[in-house]
C-alpha atoms as a PDB file:
ATOM      1  CA  MET A   1      20.444   6.915  24.492  1.00  0.00           C
ATOM      2  CA  ASP A   2      19.919   9.838  22.593  1.00  0.00           C
ATOM      3  CA  GLU A   3      21.133  13.475  23.780  1.00  0.00           C
ATOM      4  CA  SER A   4      17.635  14.523  24.223  1.00  0.00           C
ATOM      5  CA  GLY A   5      16.660  11.468  26.210  1.00  0.00           C
ATOM      6  CA  PHE A   6      13.763  10.356  23.755  1.00  0.00           C
ATOM      7  CA  VAL A   7      13.762   7.079  21.948  1.00  0.00           C
ATOM      8  CA  ARG A   8      11.118   5.026  20.671  1.00  0.00           C
ATOM      9  CA  GLU A   9      11.173   2.039  18.498  1.00  0.00           C
ATOM     10  CA  TYR A  10       8.203   0.232  17.060  1.00  0.00           C
ATOM     11  CA  ARG A  11       8.456  -3.144  15.864  1.00  0.00           C
ATOM     12  CA  LYS A  12       6.123  -6.058  15.315  1.00  0.00           C
ATOM     13  CA  ARG A  13       4.217  -6.921  18.569  1.00  0.00           C
ATOM     14  CA  ARG A  14       1.328  -8.950  16.942  1.00  0.00           C
ATOM     15  CA  ARG A  15       1.441 -11.604  14.403  1.00  0.00           C
ATOM     16  CA  PRO A  16      -0.568 -10.619  10.882  1.00  0.00           C
ATOM     17  CA  PRO A  17      -4.259 -11.109  10.966  1.00  0.00           C
ATOM     18  CA  GLY A  18      -5.536 -14.608  10.496  1.00  0.00           C
ATOM     19  CA  ALA A  19      -7.415 -13.669   7.727  1.00  0.00           C
ATOM     20  CA  HIS A  20      -4.306 -12.222   5.688  1.00  0.00           C
ATOM     21  CA  LEU A  21      -2.627 -15.710   6.435  1.00  0.00           C
ATOM     22  CA  LEU A  22      -5.626 -17.753   5.132  1.00  0.00           C
ATOM     23  CA  LEU A  23      -6.046 -15.490   2.069  1.00  0.00           C
ATOM     24  CA  LEU A  24      -2.224 -16.165   1.368  1.00  0.00           C
ATOM     25  CA  GLY A  25      -2.530 -19.913   1.890  1.00  0.00           C
ATOM     26  CA  ALA A  26      -5.458 -20.177  -0.418  1.00  0.00           C
ATOM     27  CA  VAL A  27      -3.625 -18.040  -3.187  1.00  0.00           C
ATOM     28  CA  LEU A  28      -0.502 -20.460  -2.515  1.00  0.00           C
ATOM     29  CA  LEU A  29      -2.828 -23.547  -2.833  1.00  0.00           C
ATOM     30  CA  ASN A  30      -4.470 -22.303  -5.980  1.00  0.00           C
ATOM     31  CA  VAL A  31      -1.257 -21.415  -7.919  1.00  0.00           C
ATOM     32  CA  LEU A  32      -0.012 -25.306  -6.865  1.00  0.00           C
ATOM     33  CA  VAL A  33      -3.349 -26.591  -8.383  1.00  0.00           C
ATOM     34  CA  GLN A  34      -2.980 -24.506 -11.416  1.00  0.00           C
ATOM     35  CA  THR A  35       0.587 -25.272 -11.855  1.00  0.00           C
ATOM     36  CA  GLY A  36      -0.134 -29.036 -11.810  1.00  0.00           C
ATOM     37  CA  LEU A  37      -3.150 -28.411 -14.097  1.00  0.00           C
ATOM     38  CA  ARG A  38      -0.871 -26.577 -16.697  1.00  0.00           C
ATOM     39  CA  GLU A  39       1.911 -29.051 -16.523  1.00  0.00           C
ATOM     40  CA  ASN A  40      -0.642 -31.850 -17.233  1.00  0.00           C
ATOM     41  CA  GLY A  41      -2.878 -29.978 -19.650  1.00  0.00           C
ATOM     42  CA  GLY A  42      -0.178 -27.843 -21.529  1.00  0.00           C
ATOM     43  CA  GLY A  43      -0.905 -24.105 -22.014  1.00  0.00           C
ATOM     44  CA  TYR A  44       1.526 -21.147 -21.497  1.00  0.00           C
ATOM     45  CA  TRP A  45       4.868 -22.926 -20.565  1.00  0.00           C
ATOM     46  CA  TRP A  46       5.937 -19.792 -18.603  1.00  0.00           C
ATOM     47  CA  ALA A  47       3.019 -19.562 -16.610  1.00  0.00           C
ATOM     48  CA  PRO A  48       3.678 -22.007 -13.860  1.00  0.00           C
ATOM     49  CA  PRO A  49       7.298 -20.744 -12.970  1.00  0.00           C
ATOM     50  CA  VAL A  50       6.098 -17.209 -12.998  1.00  0.00           C
ATOM     51  CA  MET A  51       3.228 -17.821 -10.857  1.00  0.00           C
ATOM     52  CA  VAL A  52       5.631 -19.815  -8.272  1.00  0.00           C
ATOM     53  CA  LEU A  53       8.175 -17.047  -8.408  1.00  0.00           C
ATOM     54  CA  LEU A  54       5.588 -14.498  -7.374  1.00  0.00           C
ATOM     55  CA  VAL A  55       4.258 -16.316  -4.449  1.00  0.00           C
ATOM     56  CA  VAL A  56       7.782 -17.019  -3.202  1.00  0.00           C
ATOM     57  CA  VAL A  57       8.602 -13.341  -3.447  1.00  0.00           C
ATOM     58  CA  THR A  58       5.237 -12.364  -1.735  1.00  0.00           C
ATOM     59  CA  LEU A  59       6.256 -14.760   1.228  1.00  0.00           C
ATOM     60  CA  VAL A  60       9.635 -13.339   1.638  1.00  0.00           C
ATOM     61  CA  ARG A  61       8.503  -9.941   1.562  1.00  0.00           C
ATOM     62  CA  VAL A  62       5.568 -10.641   4.143  1.00  0.00           C
ATOM     63  CA  VAL A  63       8.179 -12.244   6.534  1.00  0.00           C
ATOM     64  CA  MET A  64      10.829  -9.523   5.896  1.00  0.00           C
ATOM     65  CA  GLU A  65       8.263  -6.921   6.614  1.00  0.00           C
ATOM     66  CA  GLN A  66       7.148  -8.411   9.717  1.00  0.00           C
ATOM     67  CA  TYR A  67      10.379  -9.250  11.400  1.00  0.00           C
ATOM     68  CA  LEU A  68      12.947  -6.691   9.872  1.00  0.00           C
ATOM     69  CA  ALA A  69      10.884  -3.470   9.547  1.00  0.00           C
ATOM     70  CA  TYR A  70      10.857  -1.011  12.274  1.00  0.00           C
ATOM     71  CA  THR A  71      10.660   2.691  13.034  1.00  0.00           C
ATOM     72  CA  ARG A  72      12.786   4.469  15.425  1.00  0.00           C
ATOM     73  CA  VAL A  73      12.363   7.913  16.624  1.00  0.00           C
ATOM     74  CA  THR A  74      15.111   9.743  18.667  1.00  0.00           C
ATOM     75  CA  GLY A  75      15.955  13.667  19.150  1.00  0.00           C
ATOM     76  CA  ALA A  76      17.986  13.707  15.972  1.00  0.00           C
ATOM     77  CA  GLY A  77      15.164  12.433  13.644  1.00  0.00           C
ATOM     78  CA  ILE A  78      13.066   9.243  12.280  1.00  0.00           C
ATOM     79  CA  THR A  79      14.579   6.123  11.054  1.00  0.00           C
ATOM     80  CA  ALA A  80      12.122   3.600   8.947  1.00  0.00           C
ATOM     81  CA  ARG A  81      13.590   0.412   8.208  1.00  0.00           C
ATOM     82  CA  ARG A  82      11.435  -1.552   4.956  1.00  0.00           C
ATOM     83  CA  PRO A  83      12.362  -4.990   3.627  1.00  0.00           C
ATOM     84  CA  LEU A  84      14.850  -3.713   1.217  1.00  0.00           C
ATOM     85  CA  ARG A  85      15.847  -0.135   2.087  1.00  0.00           C
ATOM     86  CA  THR A  86      16.309   2.112   5.306  1.00  0.00           C
ATOM     87  CA  ARG A  87      15.738   5.647   5.284  1.00  0.00           C
ATOM     88  CA  THR A  88      16.465   8.439   7.683  1.00  0.00           C
ATOM     89  CA  TRP A  89      15.360  12.089   8.273  1.00  0.00           C
ATOM     90  CA  ALA A  90      16.391  14.834  10.173  1.00  0.00           C
ATOM     91  CA  TRP A  91      13.498  16.630  12.061  1.00  0.00           C
ATOM     92  CA  SER A  92      14.264  19.623   9.749  1.00  0.00           C
ATOM     93  CA  GLU A  93      13.230  17.307   6.739  1.00  0.00           C
ATOM     94  CA  VAL A  94      10.080  16.244   8.189  1.00  0.00           C
ATOM     95  CA  TYR A  95       7.143  18.499   7.233  1.00  0.00           C
ATOM     96  CA  ASP A  96       4.436  16.445   9.119  1.00  0.00           C
ATOM     97  CA  ILE A  97       3.604  13.060  10.719  1.00  0.00           C
ATOM     98  CA  ARG A  98      -0.199  11.854  10.074  1.00  0.00           C
ATOM     99  CA  VAL A  99      -2.185   8.704  10.904  1.00  0.00           C
ATOM    100  CA  GLU A 100      -4.490   8.139   7.913  1.00  0.00           C
ATOM    101  CA  PRO A 101      -7.030   5.624   7.245  1.00  0.00           C
ATOM    102  CA  LEU A 102      -7.158   2.703   4.925  1.00  0.00           C
ATOM    103  CA  PRO A 103      -8.655   3.284   1.721  1.00  0.00           C
ATOM    104  CA  ARG A 104     -12.082   2.025   0.977  1.00  0.00           C
ATOM    105  CA  GLY A 105     -11.992  -0.994  -1.198  1.00  0.00           C
ATOM    106  CA  SER A 106      -8.551  -2.142   0.443  1.00  0.00           C
ATOM    107  CA  GLY A 107      -9.943  -4.638   2.527  1.00  0.00           C
ATOM    108  CA  GLY A 108     -11.705  -5.026   6.042  1.00  0.00           C
ATOM    109  CA  THR A 109      -9.099  -6.898   8.146  1.00  0.00           C
ATOM    110  CA  GLY A 110      -6.123  -6.011   9.976  1.00  0.00           C
ATOM    111  CA  PRO A 111      -4.854  -2.691  10.386  1.00  0.00           C
ATOM    112  CA  ARG A 112      -7.328   0.113   9.571  1.00  0.00           C
ATOM    113  CA  TRP A 113      -4.894   3.258  10.500  1.00  0.00           C
ATOM    114  CA  PHE A 114      -1.353   3.520   9.262  1.00  0.00           C
ATOM    115  CA  THR A 115       1.206   6.449   9.948  1.00  0.00           C
ATOM    116  CA  TYR A 116       2.753   8.391   7.452  1.00  0.00           C
ATOM    117  CA  LEU A 117       5.857  10.959   7.330  1.00  0.00           C
ATOM    118  CA  TYR A 118       5.583  13.580   4.777  1.00  0.00           C
ATOM    119  CA  ASP A 119       8.725  15.390   4.042  1.00  0.00           C
ATOM    120  CA  VAL A 120       9.131  18.992   3.130  1.00  0.00           C
ATOM    121  CA  GLU A 121       8.551  18.327  -0.560  1.00  0.00           C
ATOM    122  CA  GLY A 122       5.126  16.835   0.315  1.00  0.00           C
ATOM    123  CA  ARG A 123       6.328  13.042  -0.458  1.00  0.00           C
ATOM    124  CA  ARG A 124       4.606  10.301   1.622  1.00  0.00           C
ATOM    125  CA  PHE A 125       6.530   7.452   3.341  1.00  0.00           C
ATOM    126  CA  LEU A 126       4.921   4.507   5.621  1.00  0.00           C
ATOM    127  CA  LEU A 127       6.357   4.402   9.127  1.00  0.00           C
ATOM    128  CA  PRO A 128       6.278   0.650   9.644  1.00  0.00           C
ATOM    129  CA  HIS A 129       4.546  -0.823  12.817  1.00  0.00           C
ATOM    130  CA  LEU A 130       3.208   2.636  13.641  1.00  0.00           C
ATOM    131  CA  ASP A 131      -0.501   1.515  13.195  1.00  0.00           C
ATOM    132  CA  ASP A 132      -3.497   0.284  15.217  1.00  0.00           C
ATOM    133  CA  TRP A 133      -2.735  -3.158  14.881  1.00  0.00           C
ATOM    134  CA  GLN A 134       0.724  -3.029  16.710  1.00  0.00           C
ATOM    135  CA  LEU A 135      -0.559   0.122  19.119  1.00  0.00           C
ATOM    136  CA  ALA A 136      -3.909   0.666  20.948  1.00  0.00           C
ATOM    137  CA  ASP A 137      -3.717   4.501  19.874  1.00  0.00           C
ATOM    138  CA  PRO A 138      -1.261   5.177  17.245  1.00  0.00           C
ATOM    139  CA  TYR A 139      -2.820   8.923  17.312  1.00  0.00           C
ATOM    140  CA  ALA A 140      -1.773   9.378  20.963  1.00  0.00           C
ATOM    141  CA  GLU A 141       1.668   7.943  20.036  1.00  0.00           C
ATOM    142  CA  VAL A 142       1.955  10.035  16.860  1.00  0.00           C
ATOM    143  CA  SER A 143       1.104  13.145  19.168  1.00  0.00           C
ATOM    144  CA  GLU A 144       3.655  12.357  21.952  1.00  0.00           C
ATOM    145  CA  VAL A 145       6.473  12.068  19.285  1.00  0.00           C
ATOM    146  CA  CYS A 146       5.387  15.458  17.394  1.00  0.00           C
ATOM    147  CA  LEU A 147       5.549  17.058  20.920  1.00  0.00           C
ATOM    148  CA  ALA A 148       8.758  15.621  21.967  1.00  0.00           C
ATOM    149  CA  ALA A 149      10.368  16.599  18.515  1.00  0.00           C
ATOM    150  CA  ALA A 150       9.160  20.173  18.688  1.00  0.00           C
ATOM    151  CA  PRO A 151      12.250  21.737  20.401  1.00  0.00           C
ATOM    152  CA  GLN A 152      14.449  19.650  17.873  1.00  0.00           C
ATOM    153  CA  ARG A 153      12.717  21.227  14.754  1.00  0.00           C
ATOM    154  CA  SER A 154      13.788  24.623  13.317  1.00  0.00           C
ATOM    155  CA  LEU A 155      10.441  24.946  11.471  1.00  0.00           C
ATOM    156  CA  SER A 156       7.106  24.855  13.070  1.00  0.00           C
ATOM    157  CA  TRP A 157       4.595  22.153  12.542  1.00  0.00           C
ATOM    158  CA  GLU A 158       2.048  24.573  10.856  1.00  0.00           C
ATOM    159  CA  ARG A 159       0.928  23.835   7.621  1.00  0.00           C
ATOM    160  CA  ARG A 160       2.385  25.350   4.334  1.00  0.00           C
ATOM    161  CA  PRO A 161      -0.073  25.740   1.042  1.00  0.00           C
ATOM    162  CA  ASP A 162       2.433  24.808  -1.417  1.00  0.00           C
ATOM    163  CA  VAL A 163       3.443  21.547   0.602  1.00  0.00           C
ATOM    164  CA  GLU A 164      -0.237  20.824   1.113  1.00  0.00           C
ATOM    165  CA  ARG A 165      -0.970  21.183  -2.642  1.00  0.00           C
ATOM    166  CA  ARG A 166       1.689  18.547  -3.496  1.00  0.00           C
ATOM    167  CA  ILE A 167       0.175  16.321  -0.584  1.00  0.00           C
ATOM    168  CA  LEU A 168      -3.287  16.664  -2.276  1.00  0.00           C
ATOM    169  CA  ARG A 169      -1.457  15.778  -5.951  1.00  0.00           C
ATOM    170  CA  GLY A 170      -0.300  12.547  -4.499  1.00  0.00           C
ATOM    171  CA  ALA A 171      -3.335  11.493  -2.519  1.00  0.00           C
ATOM    172  CA  VAL A 172      -5.148  11.954  -6.008  1.00  0.00           C
ATOM    173  CA  ARG A 173      -2.946   9.968  -7.853  1.00  0.00           C
ATOM    174  CA  ARG A 174      -3.179   7.127  -5.171  1.00  0.00           C
ATOM    175  CA  LYS A 175      -6.852   7.222  -5.227  1.00  0.00           C
ATOM    176  CA  ALA A 176      -7.137   7.340  -9.086  1.00  0.00           C
ATOM    177  CA  LEU A 177      -4.547   4.097  -8.952  1.00  0.00           C
ATOM    178  CA  LEU A 178      -6.762   2.157  -6.244  1.00  0.00           C
ATOM    179  CA  TRP A 179     -10.028   2.817  -8.292  1.00  0.00           C
ATOM    180  CA  GLY A 180      -8.065   1.915 -11.376  1.00  0.00           C
ATOM    181  CA  ALA A 181      -7.339  -1.537  -9.873  1.00  0.00           C
ATOM    182  CA  ASN A 182     -10.532  -2.109  -8.624  1.00  0.00           C
ATOM    183  CA  GLY A 183     -12.068  -1.576 -11.844  1.00  0.00           C
ATOM    184  CA  ALA A 184      -9.358  -4.027 -13.467  1.00  0.00           C
ATOM    185  CA  VAL A 185     -10.565  -6.638 -10.957  1.00  0.00           C
ATOM    186  CA  ALA A 186     -14.469  -6.028 -11.796  1.00  0.00           C
ATOM    187  CA  MET A 187     -13.292  -6.101 -15.602  1.00  0.00           C
ATOM    188  CA  MET A 188     -11.611  -9.413 -15.055  1.00  0.00           C
ATOM    189  CA  LEU A 189     -14.580 -11.060 -13.506  1.00  0.00           C
ATOM    190  CA  VAL A 190     -16.561  -9.905 -16.457  1.00  0.00           C
ATOM    191  CA  MET A 191     -13.899 -11.201 -18.885  1.00  0.00           C
ATOM    192  CA  PHE A 192     -14.351 -14.421 -16.991  1.00  0.00           C
ATOM    193  CA  VAL A 193     -17.677 -15.067 -17.347  1.00  0.00           C
ATOM    194  CA  ALA A 194     -17.307 -13.941 -21.241  1.00  0.00           C
ATOM    195  CA  THR A 195     -14.617 -16.617 -21.578  1.00  0.00           C
ATOM    196  CA  LEU A 196     -16.771 -19.441 -19.988  1.00  0.00           C
ATOM    197  CA  ALA A 197     -19.478 -18.456 -22.515  1.00  0.00           C
ATOM    198  CA  LEU A 198     -17.140 -18.261 -25.482  1.00  0.00           C
ATOM    199  CA  VAL A 199     -15.498 -21.857 -24.362  1.00  0.00           C
ATOM    200  CA  PHE A 200     -19.095 -23.195 -24.265  1.00  0.00           C
ATOM    201  CA  ALA A 201     -19.783 -21.859 -27.360  1.00  0.00           C
ATOM    202  CA  ASP A 202     -16.385 -23.104 -28.831  1.00  0.00           C
ATOM    203  CA  TRP A 203     -15.340 -19.503 -29.764  1.00  0.00           C
ATOM    204  CA  ALA A 204     -12.660 -18.936 -27.136  1.00  0.00           C
ATOM    205  CA  ASP A 205      -9.605 -18.462 -29.090  1.00  0.00           C
ATOM    206  CA  HIS A 206      -8.014 -15.496 -27.113  1.00  0.00           C
ATOM    207  CA  PRO A 207      -8.255 -16.260 -23.506  1.00  0.00           C
ATOM    208  CA  PHE A 208      -5.054 -14.339 -22.485  1.00  0.00           C
ATOM    209  CA  LEU A 209      -6.345 -11.458 -24.369  1.00  0.00           C
ATOM    210  CA  LEU A 210      -9.709 -11.391 -22.500  1.00  0.00           C
ATOM    211  CA  MET A 211      -8.384 -12.145 -19.051  1.00  0.00           C
ATOM    212  CA  VAL A 212      -5.218 -10.090 -18.861  1.00  0.00           C
ATOM    213  CA  CYS A 213      -4.937  -7.525 -21.441  1.00  0.00           C
ATOM    214  CA  VAL A 214      -8.391  -6.218 -21.419  1.00  0.00           C
ATOM    215  CA  PRO A 215      -8.755  -5.919 -17.581  1.00  0.00           C
ATOM    216  CA  VAL A 216      -5.023  -4.381 -17.388  1.00  0.00           C
ATOM    217  CA  ALA A 217      -6.009  -1.898 -20.200  1.00  0.00           C
ATOM    218  CA  SER A 218      -9.339  -1.007 -18.766  1.00  0.00           C
ATOM    219  CA  GLY A 219      -7.734  -0.339 -15.132  1.00  0.00           C
ATOM    220  CA  ILE A 220      -5.010   1.925 -16.584  1.00  0.00           C
ATOM    221  CA  ALA A 221      -7.607   3.901 -18.793  1.00  0.00           C
ATOM    222  CA  LEU A 222      -9.922   4.416 -15.808  1.00  0.00           C
ATOM    223  CA  SER A 223      -6.987   5.420 -13.395  1.00  0.00           C
ATOM    224  CA  ALA A 224      -5.732   7.898 -16.203  1.00  0.00           C
ATOM    225  CA  VAL A 225      -9.157   9.623 -16.656  1.00  0.00           C
ATOM    226  CA  LEU A 226      -9.896   9.623 -12.689  1.00  0.00           C
ATOM    227  CA  GLN A 227      -6.468  11.481 -11.956  1.00  0.00           C
ATOM    228  CA  TRP A 228      -7.149  13.807 -14.843  1.00  0.00           C
ATOM    229  CA  TYR A 229     -10.576  14.804 -13.608  1.00  0.00           C
ATOM    230  CA  TRP A 230      -9.566  14.851  -9.751  1.00  0.00           C
ATOM    231  CA  THR A 231      -6.578  16.923 -10.569  1.00  0.00           C
ATOM    232  CA  THR A 232      -8.993  19.922 -10.949  1.00  0.00           C
ATOM    233  CA  ARG A 233     -11.927  18.834  -8.803  1.00  0.00           C
ATOM    234  CA  PRO A 234     -10.485  16.475  -5.973  1.00  0.00           C
ATOM    235  CA  PRO A 235     -12.982  14.434  -4.059  1.00  0.00           C
ATOM    236  CA  ARG A 236     -14.254  16.067  -0.871  1.00  0.00           C
ATOM    237  CA  SER A 237     -12.658  13.070   1.340  1.00  0.00           C
ATOM    238  CA  LEU A 238      -9.162  14.035  -0.166  1.00  0.00           C
ATOM    239  CA  ALA A 239      -9.875  17.804  -0.152  1.00  0.00           C
ATOM    240  CA  ARG A 240     -10.895  17.783   3.637  1.00  0.00           C
ATOM    241  CA  ARG A 241      -7.266  16.737   4.674  1.00  0.00           C
ATOM    242  CA  THR A 242      -5.727  19.878   3.381  1.00  0.00           C
ATOM    243  CA  ASP A 243      -8.460  22.450   4.722  1.00  0.00           C
END
């Protein structure tokens, strides 16, 4: 037992959303079908093993995230265990703990609110299983944790402008990356239609260039432009968080 008498541990209480499992199963089935087609019809020899490896790594990570990850809170600090790494922060290293919504465009099933720890440098770290899928009220839980930790901290929970600016820069970077990823997916759909048209016209000589290189380059370019623009003009949704 911790000297302060305050100990909380957050682990998996509910299984992953059924929609997530169905999506993962559909992806796996598609990979197996595509692998069989390429083995029978030729194509890039490295594509089937790469796709199978990616699916296996994803499955292993999902299992480890569900059954090995946890967040432990004591009077001494916070420990967050992820599939490949465990980090511990003393309370003097913790700047804030915030419950934040899932970004728009990230999906509509499963957890919608996640809890993040911000250190005194403004860096953000996810606290596993401290979300609205595993807990009925993560806001109330985090408030209780912060209240219990107050006597153990040498710093107050008051906001500091320099740290808030670093937090805002990180939020801008993540939002730009998300928009870039969405733009890459949209471009991939456009290129898919263009590739089909070229196949019917018997002009499709570079499907890899159209289906992979163009979407990736478009996503990177969009992300870079948005990050440059939002650095001086952050979106209102992000600016409000640091007010």
